[in-house]
Amino acid sequence: MTEVGYPVWLAVLHVIAALALIVWSGLLRTIAGSSILVIQSIPVLMILFMSYYGLTLMGLEIPPLLAASASLAIYVSAYLAEIWRGAIQAVPYQQWEASSSLAMSRAQQYRHIILPQALRLSLI
C-alpha cells in the first residue's frame, strides 16, 4: 500500500467506528464503545511496545515501521471516532427530519445530508 493509502483507510476506520457508536445495534455499539475505551485507557508507548515486541515474542516478525504505523493508527482511530461521533450528533435534528421527509433511506441521509455537515463541523 502506498503512503497515500494509509490515511484513506484510517479515515474509513474512524467513520465506521463513529457510525457504530451511533447507528447500529446495541451489541455493536457496546463492542465499539468498549474497544474505544480500552484503547484510550492504554498509553500510546505501551501500544507501541506491545505491537512490536509483543508480536515478536509470539513469533510474528514484523518491520518496526509497520508496527509503529499500525499501532499509531489504532490509537488515533479511537480518538477520531469520538470526534466524528460528536460531529455527527452536532448536526441539527431538523436536518434529520428534513431528510427523512424526503423519503431518503438511512444510508442516503448519512451520505448526502449528515456526513457532509459533520465534516464541516469536525473541521471547525
PDB file of N, CA and C in Angstrom:
ATOM      1  N   MET A   1       0.848  -1.173   0.000  1.00  0.00           N
ATOM      2  CA  MET A   1       0.000   0.000   0.000  1.00  0.00           C
ATOM      3  C   MET A   1       0.897   1.241   0.000  1.00  0.00           C
ATOM      4  N   THR A   2       0.496   2.242  -0.718  1.00  0.00           N
ATOM      5  CA  THR A   2       1.301   3.451  -0.812  1.00  0.00           C
ATOM      6  C   THR A   2       1.105   4.328   0.414  1.00  0.00           C
ATOM      7  N   GLU A   3       1.897   5.393   0.477  1.00  0.00           N
ATOM      8  CA  GLU A   3       1.795   6.321   1.604  1.00  0.00           C
ATOM      9  C   GLU A   3       0.451   7.031   1.622  1.00  0.00           C
ATOM     10  N   VAL A   4      -0.166   7.183   0.458  1.00  0.00           N
ATOM     11  CA  VAL A   4      -1.462   7.855   0.377  1.00  0.00           C
ATOM     12  C   VAL A   4      -2.572   6.932   0.865  1.00  0.00           C
ATOM     13  N   GLY A   5      -2.403   5.646   0.724  1.00  0.00           N
ATOM     14  CA  GLY A   5      -3.445   4.696   1.084  1.00  0.00           C
ATOM     15  C   GLY A   5      -3.696   4.575   2.574  1.00  0.00           C
ATOM     16  N   TYR A   6      -2.674   4.723   3.404  1.00  0.00           N
ATOM     17  CA  TYR A   6      -2.853   4.583   4.850  1.00  0.00           C
ATOM     18  C   TYR A   6      -3.813   5.606   5.438  1.00  0.00           C
ATOM     19  N   PRO A   7      -3.672   6.894   5.131  1.00  0.00           N
ATOM     20  CA  PRO A   7      -4.642   7.844   5.699  1.00  0.00           C
ATOM     21  C   PRO A   7      -6.063   7.622   5.208  1.00  0.00           C
ATOM     22  N   VAL A   8      -6.212   7.140   3.986  1.00  0.00           N
ATOM     23  CA  VAL A   8      -7.558   6.882   3.470  1.00  0.00           C
ATOM     24  C   VAL A   8      -8.206   5.747   4.254  1.00  0.00           C
ATOM     25  N   TRP A   9      -7.483   4.651   4.456  1.00  0.00           N
ATOM     26  CA  TRP A   9      -8.032   3.536   5.231  1.00  0.00           C
ATOM     27  C   TRP A   9      -8.246   3.930   6.682  1.00  0.00           C
ATOM     28  N   LEU A  10      -7.384   4.778   7.190  1.00  0.00           N
ATOM     29  CA  LEU A  10      -7.541   5.251   8.559  1.00  0.00           C
ATOM     30  C   LEU A  10      -8.804   6.092   8.696  1.00  0.00           C
ATOM     31  N   ALA A  11      -9.077   6.945   7.723  1.00  0.00           N
ATOM     32  CA  ALA A  11     -10.295   7.759   7.758  1.00  0.00           C
ATOM     33  C   ALA A  11     -11.539   6.883   7.668  1.00  0.00           C
ATOM     34  N   VAL A  12     -11.488   5.843   6.857  1.00  0.00           N
ATOM     35  CA  VAL A  12     -12.622   4.919   6.759  1.00  0.00           C
ATOM     36  C   VAL A  12     -12.842   4.215   8.093  1.00  0.00           C
ATOM     37  N   LEU A  13     -11.768   3.831   8.754  1.00  0.00           N
ATOM     38  CA  LEU A  13     -11.871   3.182  10.058  1.00  0.00           C
ATOM     39  C   LEU A  13     -12.510   4.101  11.096  1.00  0.00           C
ATOM     40  N   HIS A  14     -12.177   5.385  11.055  1.00  0.00           N
ATOM     41  CA  HIS A  14     -12.756   6.351  12.003  1.00  0.00           C
ATOM     42  C   HIS A  14     -14.256   6.479  11.787  1.00  0.00           C
ATOM     43  N   VAL A  15     -14.655   6.625  10.542  1.00  0.00           N
ATOM     44  CA  VAL A  15     -16.075   6.832  10.247  1.00  0.00           C
ATOM     45  C   VAL A  15     -16.882   5.588  10.618  1.00  0.00           C
ATOM     46  N   ILE A  16     -16.352   4.401  10.336  1.00  0.00           N
ATOM     47  CA  ILE A  16     -17.061   3.172  10.692  1.00  0.00           C
ATOM     48  C   ILE A  16     -17.208   3.053  12.203  1.00  0.00           C
ATOM     49  N   ALA A  17     -16.150   3.366  12.930  1.00  0.00           N
ATOM     50  CA  ALA A  17     -16.235   3.296  14.395  1.00  0.00           C
ATOM     51  C   ALA A  17     -17.214   4.322  14.939  1.00  0.00           C
ATOM     52  N   ALA A  18     -17.229   5.514  14.361  1.00  0.00           N
ATOM     53  CA  ALA A  18     -18.166   6.543  14.823  1.00  0.00           C
ATOM     54  C   ALA A  18     -19.604   6.148  14.519  1.00  0.00           C
ATOM     55  N   LEU A  19     -19.839   5.590  13.338  1.00  0.00           N
ATOM     56  CA  LEU A  19     -21.192   5.156  12.997  1.00  0.00           C
ATOM     57  C   LEU A  19     -21.632   3.976  13.861  1.00  0.00           C
ATOM     58  N   ALA A  20     -20.689   3.123  14.230  1.00  0.00           N
ATOM     59  CA  ALA A  20     -21.037   2.004  15.110  1.00  0.00           C
ATOM     60  C   ALA A  20     -21.463   2.504  16.480  1.00  0.00           C
ATOM     61  N   LEU A  21     -20.908   3.627  16.915  1.00  0.00           N
ATOM     62  CA  LEU A  21     -21.297   4.195  18.207  1.00  0.00           C
ATOM     63  C   LEU A  21     -22.677   4.830  18.167  1.00  0.00           C
ATOM     64  N   ILE A  22     -23.141   5.201  16.985  1.00  0.00           N
ATOM     65  CA  ILE A  22     -24.390   5.947  16.883  1.00  0.00           C
ATOM     66  C   ILE A  22     -25.522   5.103  16.315  1.00  0.00           C
ATOM     67  N   VAL A  23     -25.274   4.438  15.203  1.00  0.00           N
ATOM     68  CA  VAL A  23     -26.359   3.924  14.382  1.00  0.00           C
ATOM     69  C   VAL A  23     -26.778   2.505  14.720  1.00  0.00           C
ATOM     70  N   TRP A  24     -25.857   1.582  14.739  1.00  0.00           N
ATOM     71  CA  TRP A  24     -26.204   0.174  14.698  1.00  0.00           C
ATOM     72  C   TRP A  24     -26.692  -0.362  16.031  1.00  0.00           C
ATOM     73  N   SER A  25     -26.838  -1.666  16.098  1.00  0.00           N
ATOM     74  CA  SER A  25     -27.480  -2.334  17.235  1.00  0.00           C
ATOM     75  C   SER A  25     -26.750  -2.080  18.550  1.00  0.00           C
ATOM     76  N   GLY A  26     -27.428  -2.407  19.619  1.00  0.00           N
ATOM     77  CA  GLY A  26     -26.861  -2.189  20.939  1.00  0.00           C
ATOM     78  C   GLY A  26     -25.609  -3.004  21.185  1.00  0.00           C
ATOM     79  N   LEU A  27     -25.564  -4.242  20.665  1.00  0.00           N
ATOM     80  CA  LEU A  27     -24.386  -5.080  20.847  1.00  0.00           C
ATOM     81  C   LEU A  27     -23.176  -4.482  20.140  1.00  0.00           C
ATOM     82  N   LEU A  28     -23.356  -4.049  18.896  1.00  0.00           N
ATOM     83  CA  LEU A  28     -22.253  -3.443  18.152  1.00  0.00           C
ATOM     84  C   LEU A  28     -21.815  -2.133  18.793  1.00  0.00           C
ATOM     85  N   ARG A  29     -22.768  -1.359  19.287  1.00  0.00           N
ATOM     86  CA  ARG A  29     -22.452  -0.111  19.973  1.00  0.00           C
ATOM     87  C   ARG A  29     -21.640  -0.384  21.242  1.00  0.00           C
ATOM     88  N   THR A  30     -22.003  -1.441  21.960  1.00  0.00           N
ATOM     89  CA  THR A  30     -21.273  -1.805  23.174  1.00  0.00           C
ATOM     90  C   THR A  30     -19.858  -2.261  22.851  1.00  0.00           C
ATOM     91  N   ILE A  31     -19.709  -3.058  21.801  1.00  0.00           N
ATOM     92  CA  ILE A  31     -18.385  -3.533  21.403  1.00  0.00           C
ATOM     93  C   ILE A  31     -17.508  -2.370  20.962  1.00  0.00           C
ATOM     94  N   ALA A  32     -18.051  -1.478  20.129  1.00  0.00           N
ATOM     95  CA  ALA A  32     -17.274  -0.332  19.654  1.00  0.00           C
ATOM     96  C   ALA A  32     -16.913   0.591  20.809  1.00  0.00           C
ATOM     97  N   GLY A  33     -17.867   0.859  21.685  1.00  0.00           N
ATOM     98  CA  GLY A  33     -17.590   1.729  22.827  1.00  0.00           C
ATOM     99  C   GLY A  33     -16.567   1.135  23.771  1.00  0.00           C
ATOM    100  N   SER A  34     -16.643  -0.174  23.998  1.00  0.00           N
ATOM    101  CA  SER A  34     -15.687  -0.832  24.892  1.00  0.00           C
ATOM    102  C   SER A  34     -14.286  -0.847  24.299  1.00  0.00           C
ATOM    103  N   SER A  35     -14.187  -1.132  23.002  1.00  0.00           N
ATOM    104  CA  SER A  35     -12.863  -1.155  22.381  1.00  0.00           C
ATOM    105  C   SER A  35     -12.240   0.233  22.362  1.00  0.00           C
ATOM    106  N   ILE A  36     -13.040   1.255  22.130  1.00  0.00           N
ATOM    107  CA  ILE A  36     -12.515   2.620  22.155  1.00  0.00           C
ATOM    108  C   ILE A  36     -12.070   2.985  23.560  1.00  0.00           C
ATOM    109  N   LEU A  37     -12.844   2.597  24.560  1.00  0.00           N
ATOM    110  CA  LEU A  37     -12.479   2.874  25.945  1.00  0.00           C
ATOM    111  C   LEU A  37     -11.176   2.179  26.330  1.00  0.00           C
ATOM    112  N   VAL A  38     -11.011   0.934  25.908  1.00  0.00           N
ATOM    113  CA  VAL A  38      -9.787   0.197  26.225  1.00  0.00           C
ATOM    114  C   VAL A  38      -8.586   0.832  25.538  1.00  0.00           C
ATOM    115  N   ILE A  39      -8.730   1.185  24.267  1.00  0.00           N
ATOM    116  CA  ILE A  39      -7.613   1.775  23.527  1.00  0.00           C
ATOM    117  C   ILE A  39      -7.237   3.131  24.116  1.00  0.00           C
ATOM    118  N   GLN A  40      -8.227   3.930  24.512  1.00  0.00           N
ATOM    119  CA  GLN A  40      -7.933   5.230  25.096  1.00  0.00           C
ATOM    120  C   GLN A  40      -7.319   5.105  26.485  1.00  0.00           C
ATOM    121  N   SER A  41      -7.536   3.986  27.155  1.00  0.00           N
ATOM    122  CA  SER A  41      -7.009   3.799  28.505  1.00  0.00           C
ATOM    123  C   SER A  41      -5.547   3.368  28.513  1.00  0.00           C
ATOM    124  N   ILE A  42      -5.069   2.831  27.408  1.00  0.00           N
ATOM    125  CA  ILE A  42      -3.692   2.342  27.340  1.00  0.00           C
ATOM    126  C   ILE A  42      -2.795   3.460  26.813  1.00  0.00           C
ATOM    127  N   PRO A  43      -1.659   3.726  27.467  1.00  0.00           N
ATOM    128  CA  PRO A  43      -0.730   4.742  26.945  1.00  0.00           C
ATOM    129  C   PRO A  43      -0.189   4.339  25.573  1.00  0.00           C
ATOM    130  N   VAL A  44       0.071   5.335  24.747  1.00  0.00           N
ATOM    131  CA  VAL A  44       0.498   5.062  23.374  1.00  0.00           C
ATOM    132  C   VAL A  44       1.843   4.343  23.343  1.00  0.00           C
ATOM    133  N   LEU A  45       2.717   4.638  24.282  1.00  0.00           N
ATOM    134  CA  LEU A  45       4.011   3.959  24.309  1.00  0.00           C
ATOM    135  C   LEU A  45       3.846   2.466  24.587  1.00  0.00           C
ATOM    136  N   MET A  46       2.893   2.128  25.424  1.00  0.00           N
ATOM    137  CA  MET A  46       2.624   0.718  25.713  1.00  0.00           C
ATOM    138  C   MET A  46       2.069   0.009  24.477  1.00  0.00           C
ATOM    139  N   ILE A  47       1.222   0.690  23.717  1.00  0.00           N
ATOM    140  CA  ILE A  47       0.697   0.096  22.481  1.00  0.00           C
ATOM    141  C   ILE A  47       1.830  -0.123  21.481  1.00  0.00           C
ATOM    142  N   LEU A  48       2.742   0.838  21.396  1.00  0.00           N
ATOM    143  CA  LEU A  48       3.889   0.681  20.503  1.00  0.00           C
ATOM    144  C   LEU A  48       4.751  -0.508  20.923  1.00  0.00           C
ATOM    145  N   PHE A  49       5.030  -0.622  22.211  1.00  0.00           N
ATOM    146  CA  PHE A  49       5.836  -1.747  22.689  1.00  0.00           C
ATOM    147  C   PHE A  49       5.139  -3.079  22.450  1.00  0.00           C
ATOM    148  N   MET A  50       3.844  -3.134  22.738  1.00  0.00           N
ATOM    149  CA  MET A  50       3.113  -4.395  22.556  1.00  0.00           C
ATOM    150  C   MET A  50       3.040  -4.793  21.089  1.00  0.00           C
ATOM    151  N   SER A  51       2.891  -3.804  20.197  1.00  0.00           N
ATOM    152  CA  SER A  51       2.761  -4.148  18.783  1.00  0.00           C
ATOM    153  C   SER A  51       4.074  -4.639  18.189  1.00  0.00           C
ATOM    154  N   TYR A  52       5.205  -4.174  18.698  1.00  0.00           N
ATOM    155  CA  TYR A  52       6.471  -4.621  18.128  1.00  0.00           C
ATOM    156  C   TYR A  52       7.064  -5.786  18.921  1.00  0.00           C
ATOM    157  N   TYR A  53       7.305  -5.566  20.203  1.00  0.00           N
ATOM    158  CA  TYR A  53       7.954  -6.606  20.999  1.00  0.00           C
ATOM    159  C   TYR A  53       6.999  -7.749  21.345  1.00  0.00           C
ATOM    160  N   GLY A  54       5.753  -7.429  21.604  1.00  0.00           N
ATOM    161  CA  GLY A  54       4.794  -8.475  21.947  1.00  0.00           C
ATOM    162  C   GLY A  54       4.532  -9.422  20.795  1.00  0.00           C
ATOM    163  N   LEU A  55       4.380  -8.871  19.604  1.00  0.00           N
ATOM    164  CA  LEU A  55       4.155  -9.733  18.435  1.00  0.00           C
ATOM    165  C   LEU A  55       5.404 -10.526  18.080  1.00  0.00           C
ATOM    166  N   THR A  56       6.587  -9.961  18.351  1.00  0.00           N
ATOM    167  CA  THR A  56       7.825 -10.692  18.107  1.00  0.00           C
ATOM    168  C   THR A  56       7.936 -11.880  19.056  1.00  0.00           C
ATOM    169  N   LEU A  57       7.537 -11.687  20.316  1.00  0.00           N
ATOM    170  CA  LEU A  57       7.555 -12.799  21.271  1.00  0.00           C
ATOM    171  C   LEU A  57       6.574 -13.898  20.889  1.00  0.00           C
ATOM    172  N   MET A  58       5.503 -13.528  20.203  1.00  0.00           N
ATOM    173  CA  MET A  58       4.513 -14.514  19.763  1.00  0.00           C
ATOM    174  C   MET A  58       4.930 -15.207  18.466  1.00  0.00           C
ATOM    175  N   GLY A  59       6.036 -14.791  17.874  1.00  0.00           N
ATOM    176  CA  GLY A  59       6.529 -15.443  16.672  1.00  0.00           C
ATOM    177  C   GLY A  59       6.239 -14.699  15.384  1.00  0.00           C
ATOM    178  N   LEU A  60       5.592 -13.548  15.468  1.00  0.00           N
ATOM    179  CA  LEU A  60       5.311 -12.752  14.275  1.00  0.00           C
ATOM    180  C   LEU A  60       6.390 -11.689  14.118  1.00  0.00           C
ATOM    181  N   GLU A  61       7.188 -11.830  13.101  1.00  0.00           N
ATOM    182  CA  GLU A  61       8.260 -10.867  12.851  1.00  0.00           C
ATOM    183  C   GLU A  61       7.746  -9.808  11.877  1.00  0.00           C
ATOM    184  N   ILE A  62       7.543  -8.592  12.358  1.00  0.00           N
ATOM    185  CA  ILE A  62       7.056  -7.510  11.506  1.00  0.00           C
ATOM    186  C   ILE A  62       8.067  -6.374  11.534  1.00  0.00           C
ATOM    187  N   PRO A  63       8.146  -5.611  10.449  1.00  0.00           N
ATOM    188  CA  PRO A  63       9.076  -4.486  10.417  1.00  0.00           C
ATOM    189  C   PRO A  63       8.695  -3.421  11.448  1.00  0.00           C
ATOM    190  N   PRO A  64       9.682  -2.725  11.998  1.00  0.00           N
ATOM    191  CA  PRO A  64       9.390  -1.711  13.023  1.00  0.00           C
ATOM    192  C   PRO A  64       8.490  -0.586  12.520  1.00  0.00           C
ATOM    193  N   LEU A  65       8.675  -0.158  11.286  1.00  0.00           N
ATOM    194  CA  LEU A  65       7.851   0.927  10.751  1.00  0.00           C
ATOM    195  C   LEU A  65       6.390   0.501  10.614  1.00  0.00           C
ATOM    196  N   LEU A  66       6.165  -0.729  10.201  1.00  0.00           N
ATOM    197  CA  LEU A  66       4.799  -1.236  10.094  1.00  0.00           C
ATOM    198  C   LEU A  66       4.147  -1.353  11.470  1.00  0.00           C
ATOM    199  N   ALA A  67       4.893  -1.827  12.447  1.00  0.00           N
ATOM    200  CA  ALA A  67       4.352  -1.944  13.808  1.00  0.00           C
ATOM    201  C   ALA A  67       4.016  -0.571  14.370  1.00  0.00           C
ATOM    202  N   ALA A  68       4.891   0.400  14.144  1.00  0.00           N
ATOM    203  CA  ALA A  68       4.645   1.750  14.662  1.00  0.00           C
ATOM    204  C   ALA A  68       3.459   2.403  13.970  1.00  0.00           C
ATOM    205  N   SER A  69       3.393   2.283  12.645  1.00  0.00           N
ATOM    206  CA  SER A  69       2.292   2.936  11.935  1.00  0.00           C
ATOM    207  C   SER A  69       0.953   2.273  12.245  1.00  0.00           C
ATOM    208  N   ALA A  70       0.927   0.963  12.381  1.00  0.00           N
ATOM    209  CA  ALA A  70      -0.329   0.277  12.703  1.00  0.00           C
ATOM    210  C   ALA A  70      -0.792   0.609  14.116  1.00  0.00           C
ATOM    211  N   SER A  71       0.133   0.637  15.063  1.00  0.00           N
ATOM    212  CA  SER A  71      -0.273   0.931  16.438  1.00  0.00           C
ATOM    213  C   SER A  71      -0.703   2.381  16.595  1.00  0.00           C
ATOM    214  N   LEU A  72      -0.043   3.298  15.914  1.00  0.00           N
ATOM    215  CA  LEU A  72      -0.480   4.698  15.971  1.00  0.00           C
ATOM    216  C   LEU A  72      -1.819   4.884  15.272  1.00  0.00           C
ATOM    217  N   ALA A  73      -2.051   4.138  14.198  1.00  0.00           N
ATOM    218  CA  ALA A  73      -3.344   4.223  13.515  1.00  0.00           C
ATOM    219  C   ALA A  73      -4.468   3.737  14.417  1.00  0.00           C
ATOM    220  N   ILE A  74      -4.238   2.668  15.145  1.00  0.00           N
ATOM    221  CA  ILE A  74      -5.255   2.163  16.074  1.00  0.00           C
ATOM    222  C   ILE A  74      -5.492   3.163  17.192  1.00  0.00           C
ATOM    223  N   TYR A  75      -4.429   3.724  17.722  1.00  0.00           N
ATOM    224  CA  TYR A  75      -4.546   4.677  18.831  1.00  0.00           C
ATOM    225  C   TYR A  75      -5.303   5.935  18.404  1.00  0.00           C
ATOM    226  N   VAL A  76      -4.944   6.472  17.254  1.00  0.00           N
ATOM    227  CA  VAL A  76      -5.579   7.702  16.781  1.00  0.00           C
ATOM    228  C   VAL A  76      -7.021   7.442  16.351  1.00  0.00           C
ATOM    229  N   SER A  77      -7.296   6.257  15.820  1.00  0.00           N
ATOM    230  CA  SER A  77      -8.658   5.974  15.372  1.00  0.00           C
ATOM    231  C   SER A  77      -9.648   5.989  16.523  1.00  0.00           C
ATOM    232  N   ALA A  78      -9.217   5.618  17.713  1.00  0.00           N
ATOM    233  CA  ALA A  78     -10.117   5.659  18.866  1.00  0.00           C
ATOM    234  C   ALA A  78     -10.516   7.099  19.191  1.00  0.00           C
ATOM    235  N   TYR A  79      -9.569   8.004  19.137  1.00  0.00           N
ATOM    236  CA  TYR A  79      -9.877   9.404  19.444  1.00  0.00           C
ATOM    237  C   TYR A  79     -10.667  10.067  18.315  1.00  0.00           C
ATOM    238  N   LEU A  80     -10.305   9.772  17.089  1.00  0.00           N
ATOM    239  CA  LEU A  80     -11.020  10.390  15.978  1.00  0.00           C
ATOM    240  C   LEU A  80     -12.427   9.834  15.813  1.00  0.00           C
ATOM    241  N   ALA A  81     -12.656   8.609  16.240  1.00  0.00           N
ATOM    242  CA  ALA A  81     -14.023   8.078  16.219  1.00  0.00           C
ATOM    243  C   ALA A  81     -14.911   8.872  17.163  1.00  0.00           C
ATOM    244  N   GLU A  82     -14.376   9.260  18.309  1.00  0.00           N
ATOM    245  CA  GLU A  82     -15.150  10.086  19.241  1.00  0.00           C
ATOM    246  C   GLU A  82     -15.392  11.485  18.672  1.00  0.00           C
ATOM    247  N   ILE A  83     -14.418  12.027  17.966  1.00  0.00           N
ATOM    248  CA  ILE A  83     -14.598  13.340  17.337  1.00  0.00           C
ATOM    249  C   ILE A  83     -15.685  13.265  16.276  1.00  0.00           C
ATOM    250  N   TRP A  84     -15.649  12.214  15.455  1.00  0.00           N
ATOM    251  CA  TRP A  84     -16.670  12.047  14.421  1.00  0.00           C
ATOM    252  C   TRP A  84     -18.047  11.826  15.025  1.00  0.00           C
ATOM    253  N   ARG A  85     -18.117  11.043  16.117  1.00  0.00           N
ATOM    254  CA  ARG A  85     -19.400  10.816  16.774  1.00  0.00           C
ATOM    255  C   ARG A  85     -19.986  12.131  17.261  1.00  0.00           C
ATOM    256  N   GLY A  86     -19.153  12.961  17.851  1.00  0.00           N
ATOM    257  CA  GLY A  86     -19.628  14.264  18.307  1.00  0.00           C
ATOM    258  C   GLY A  86     -20.063  15.157  17.162  1.00  0.00           C
ATOM    259  N   ALA A  87     -19.333  15.098  16.053  1.00  0.00           N
ATOM    260  CA  ALA A  87     -19.696  15.921  14.899  1.00  0.00           C
ATOM    261  C   ALA A  87     -21.006  15.450  14.277  1.00  0.00           C
ATOM    262  N   ILE A  88     -21.218  14.148  14.217  1.00  0.00           N
ATOM    263  CA  ILE A  88     -22.473  13.630  13.663  1.00  0.00           C
ATOM    264  C   ILE A  88     -23.639  14.001  14.562  1.00  0.00           C
ATOM    265  N   GLN A  89     -23.441  13.905  15.865  1.00  0.00           N
ATOM    266  CA  GLN A  89     -24.518  14.248  16.787  1.00  0.00           C
ATOM    267  C   GLN A  89     -24.746  15.751  16.875  1.00  0.00           C
ATOM    268  N   ALA A  90     -23.796  16.560  16.402  1.00  0.00           N
ATOM    269  CA  ALA A  90     -23.964  18.010  16.426  1.00  0.00           C
ATOM    270  C   ALA A  90     -24.781  18.532  15.250  1.00  0.00           C
ATOM    271  N   VAL A  91     -25.029  17.693  14.256  1.00  0.00           N
ATOM    272  CA  VAL A  91     -25.880  18.108  13.142  1.00  0.00           C
ATOM    273  C   VAL A  91     -27.291  18.315  13.691  1.00  0.00           C
ATOM    274  N   PRO A  92     -27.906  19.461  13.406  1.00  0.00           N
ATOM    275  CA  PRO A  92     -29.226  19.746  13.988  1.00  0.00           C
ATOM    276  C   PRO A  92     -30.265  18.682  13.637  1.00  0.00           C
ATOM    277  N   TYR A  93     -31.152  18.437  14.586  1.00  0.00           N
ATOM    278  CA  TYR A  93     -32.177  17.403  14.425  1.00  0.00           C
ATOM    279  C   TYR A  93     -33.114  17.726  13.262  1.00  0.00           C
ATOM    280  N   GLN A  94     -33.277  18.995  12.949  1.00  0.00           N
ATOM    281  CA  GLN A  94     -34.142  19.374  11.836  1.00  0.00           C
ATOM    282  C   GLN A  94     -33.604  18.842  10.509  1.00  0.00           C
ATOM    283  N   GLN A  95     -32.289  18.716  10.391  1.00  0.00           N
ATOM    284  CA  GLN A  95     -31.705  18.162   9.166  1.00  0.00           C
ATOM    285  C   GLN A  95     -32.074  16.683   9.019  1.00  0.00           C
ATOM    286  N   TRP A  96     -32.099  15.965  10.130  1.00  0.00           N
ATOM    287  CA  TRP A  96     -32.500  14.562  10.104  1.00  0.00           C
ATOM    288  C   TRP A  96     -33.967  14.448   9.688  1.00  0.00           C
ATOM    289  N   GLU A  97     -34.812  15.302  10.272  1.00  0.00           N
ATOM    290  CA  GLU A  97     -36.237  15.260   9.946  1.00  0.00           C
ATOM    291  C   GLU A  97     -36.485  15.643   8.496  1.00  0.00           C
ATOM    292  N   ALA A  98     -35.765  16.649   8.008  1.00  0.00           N
ATOM    293  CA  ALA A  98     -35.946  17.077   6.623  1.00  0.00           C
ATOM    294  C   ALA A  98     -35.534  15.979   5.648  1.00  0.00           C
ATOM    295  N   SER A  99     -34.440  15.308   5.937  1.00  0.00           N
ATOM    296  CA  SER A  99     -34.002  14.245   5.030  1.00  0.00           C
ATOM    297  C   SER A  99     -34.934  13.036   5.094  1.00  0.00           C
ATOM    298  N   SER A 100     -35.492  12.748   6.246  1.00  0.00           N
ATOM    299  CA  SER A 100     -36.442  11.630   6.308  1.00  0.00           C
ATOM    300  C   SER A 100     -37.774  11.996   5.661  1.00  0.00           C
ATOM    301  N   SER A 101     -38.140  13.284   5.662  1.00  0.00           N
ATOM    302  CA  SER A 101     -39.380  13.685   4.990  1.00  0.00           C
ATOM    303  C   SER A 101     -39.246  13.613   3.474  1.00  0.00           C
ATOM    304  N   LEU A 102     -38.013  13.598   2.977  1.00  0.00           N
ATOM    305  CA  LEU A 102     -37.777  13.430   1.545  1.00  0.00           C
ATOM    306  C   LEU A 102     -37.716  11.956   1.148  1.00  0.00           C
ATOM    307  N   ALA A 103     -38.086  11.082   2.063  1.00  0.00           N
ATOM    308  CA  ALA A 103     -38.119   9.632   1.853  1.00  0.00           C
ATOM    309  C   ALA A 103     -36.746   9.069   1.509  1.00  0.00           C
ATOM    310  N   MET A 104     -35.719   9.627   2.120  1.00  0.00           N
ATOM    311  CA  MET A 104     -34.372   9.090   1.948  1.00  0.00           C
ATOM    312  C   MET A 104     -34.179   7.916   2.895  1.00  0.00           C
ATOM    313  N   SER A 105     -33.418   6.942   2.423  1.00  0.00           N
ATOM    314  CA  SER A 105     -33.062   5.843   3.315  1.00  0.00           C
ATOM    315  C   SER A 105     -32.025   6.347   4.318  1.00  0.00           C
ATOM    316  N   ARG A 106     -31.760   5.537   5.333  1.00  0.00           N
ATOM    317  CA  ARG A 106     -30.793   5.957   6.354  1.00  0.00           C
ATOM    318  C   ARG A 106     -29.409   6.156   5.738  1.00  0.00           C
ATOM    319  N   ALA A 107     -29.019   5.278   4.814  1.00  0.00           N
ATOM    320  CA  ALA A 107     -27.720   5.410   4.152  1.00  0.00           C
ATOM    321  C   ALA A 107     -27.663   6.678   3.307  1.00  0.00           C
ATOM    322  N   GLN A 108     -28.754   7.010   2.612  1.00  0.00           N
ATOM    323  CA  GLN A 108     -28.787   8.240   1.818  1.00  0.00           C
ATOM    324  C   GLN A 108     -28.746   9.467   2.716  1.00  0.00           C
ATOM    325  N   GLN A 109     -29.413   9.414   3.854  1.00  0.00           N
ATOM    326  CA  GLN A 109     -29.362  10.533   4.791  1.00  0.00           C
ATOM    327  C   GLN A 109     -27.928  10.799   5.227  1.00  0.00           C
ATOM    328  N   TYR A 110     -27.223   9.740   5.589  1.00  0.00           N
ATOM    329  CA  TYR A 110     -25.838   9.916   6.022  1.00  0.00           C
ATOM    330  C   TYR A 110     -24.952  10.399   4.887  1.00  0.00           C
ATOM    331  N   ARG A 111     -25.121   9.811   3.709  1.00  0.00           N
ATOM    332  CA  ARG A 111     -24.222  10.139   2.601  1.00  0.00           C
ATOM    333  C   ARG A 111     -24.426  11.554   2.076  1.00  0.00           C
ATOM    334  N   HIS A 112     -25.660  11.985   1.919  1.00  0.00           N
ATOM    335  CA  HIS A 112     -25.933  13.256   1.257  1.00  0.00           C
ATOM    336  C   HIS A 112     -26.164  14.420   2.217  1.00  0.00           C
ATOM    337  N   ILE A 113     -26.629  14.161   3.412  1.00  0.00           N
ATOM    338  CA  ILE A 113     -27.021  15.245   4.311  1.00  0.00           C
ATOM    339  C   ILE A 113     -26.127  15.315   5.546  1.00  0.00           C
ATOM    340  N   ILE A 114     -26.034  14.230   6.285  1.00  0.00           N
ATOM    341  CA  ILE A 114     -25.434  14.262   7.615  1.00  0.00           C
ATOM    342  C   ILE A 114     -23.908  14.313   7.566  1.00  0.00           C
ATOM    343  N   LEU A 115     -23.268  13.389   6.858  1.00  0.00           N
ATOM    344  CA  LEU A 115     -21.806  13.339   6.858  1.00  0.00           C
ATOM    345  C   LEU A 115     -21.141  14.580   6.256  1.00  0.00           C
ATOM    346  N   PRO A 116     -21.671  15.189   5.176  1.00  0.00           N
ATOM    347  CA  PRO A 116     -21.038  16.436   4.720  1.00  0.00           C
ATOM    348  C   PRO A 116     -21.093  17.551   5.767  1.00  0.00           C
ATOM    349  N   GLN A 117     -22.208  17.650   6.480  1.00  0.00           N
ATOM    350  CA  GLN A 117     -22.300  18.673   7.518  1.00  0.00           C
ATOM    351  C   GLN A 117     -21.419  18.321   8.717  1.00  0.00           C
ATOM    352  N   ALA A 118     -21.334  17.035   9.037  1.00  0.00           N
ATOM    353  CA  ALA A 118     -20.477  16.613  10.144  1.00  0.00           C
ATOM    354  C   ALA A 118     -19.011  16.862   9.820  1.00  0.00           C
ATOM    355  N   LEU A 119     -18.634  16.712   8.562  1.00  0.00           N
ATOM    356  CA  LEU A 119     -17.257  17.001   8.162  1.00  0.00           C
ATOM    357  C   LEU A 119     -16.932  18.465   8.395  1.00  0.00           C
ATOM    358  N   ARG A 120     -17.843  19.345   8.016  1.00  0.00           N
ATOM    359  CA  ARG A 120     -17.625  20.775   8.250  1.00  0.00           C
ATOM    360  C   ARG A 120     -17.538  21.084   9.741  1.00  0.00           C
ATOM    361  N   LEU A 121     -18.407  20.455  10.517  1.00  0.00           N
ATOM    362  CA  LEU A 121     -18.398  20.698  11.958  1.00  0.00           C
ATOM    363  C   LEU A 121     -17.133  20.159  12.625  1.00  0.00           C
ATOM    364  N   SER A 122     -16.610  19.056  12.125  1.00  0.00           N
ATOM    365  CA  SER A 122     -15.413  18.485  12.745  1.00  0.00           C
ATOM    366  C   SER A 122     -14.159  19.282  12.416  1.00  0.00           C
ATOM    367  N   LEU A 123     -14.198  20.065  11.364  1.00  0.00           N
ATOM    368  CA  LEU A 123     -13.030  20.866  10.993  1.00  0.00           C
ATOM    369  C   LEU A 123     -13.004  22.230  11.665  1.00  0.00           C
ATOM    370  N   ILE A 124     -14.102  22.595  12.314  1.00  0.00           N
ATOM    371  CA  ILE A 124     -14.164  23.909  12.966  1.00  0.00           C
ATOM    372  C   ILE A 124     -13.380  23.885  14.243  1.00  0.00           C
TER     373      ILE A 124
END
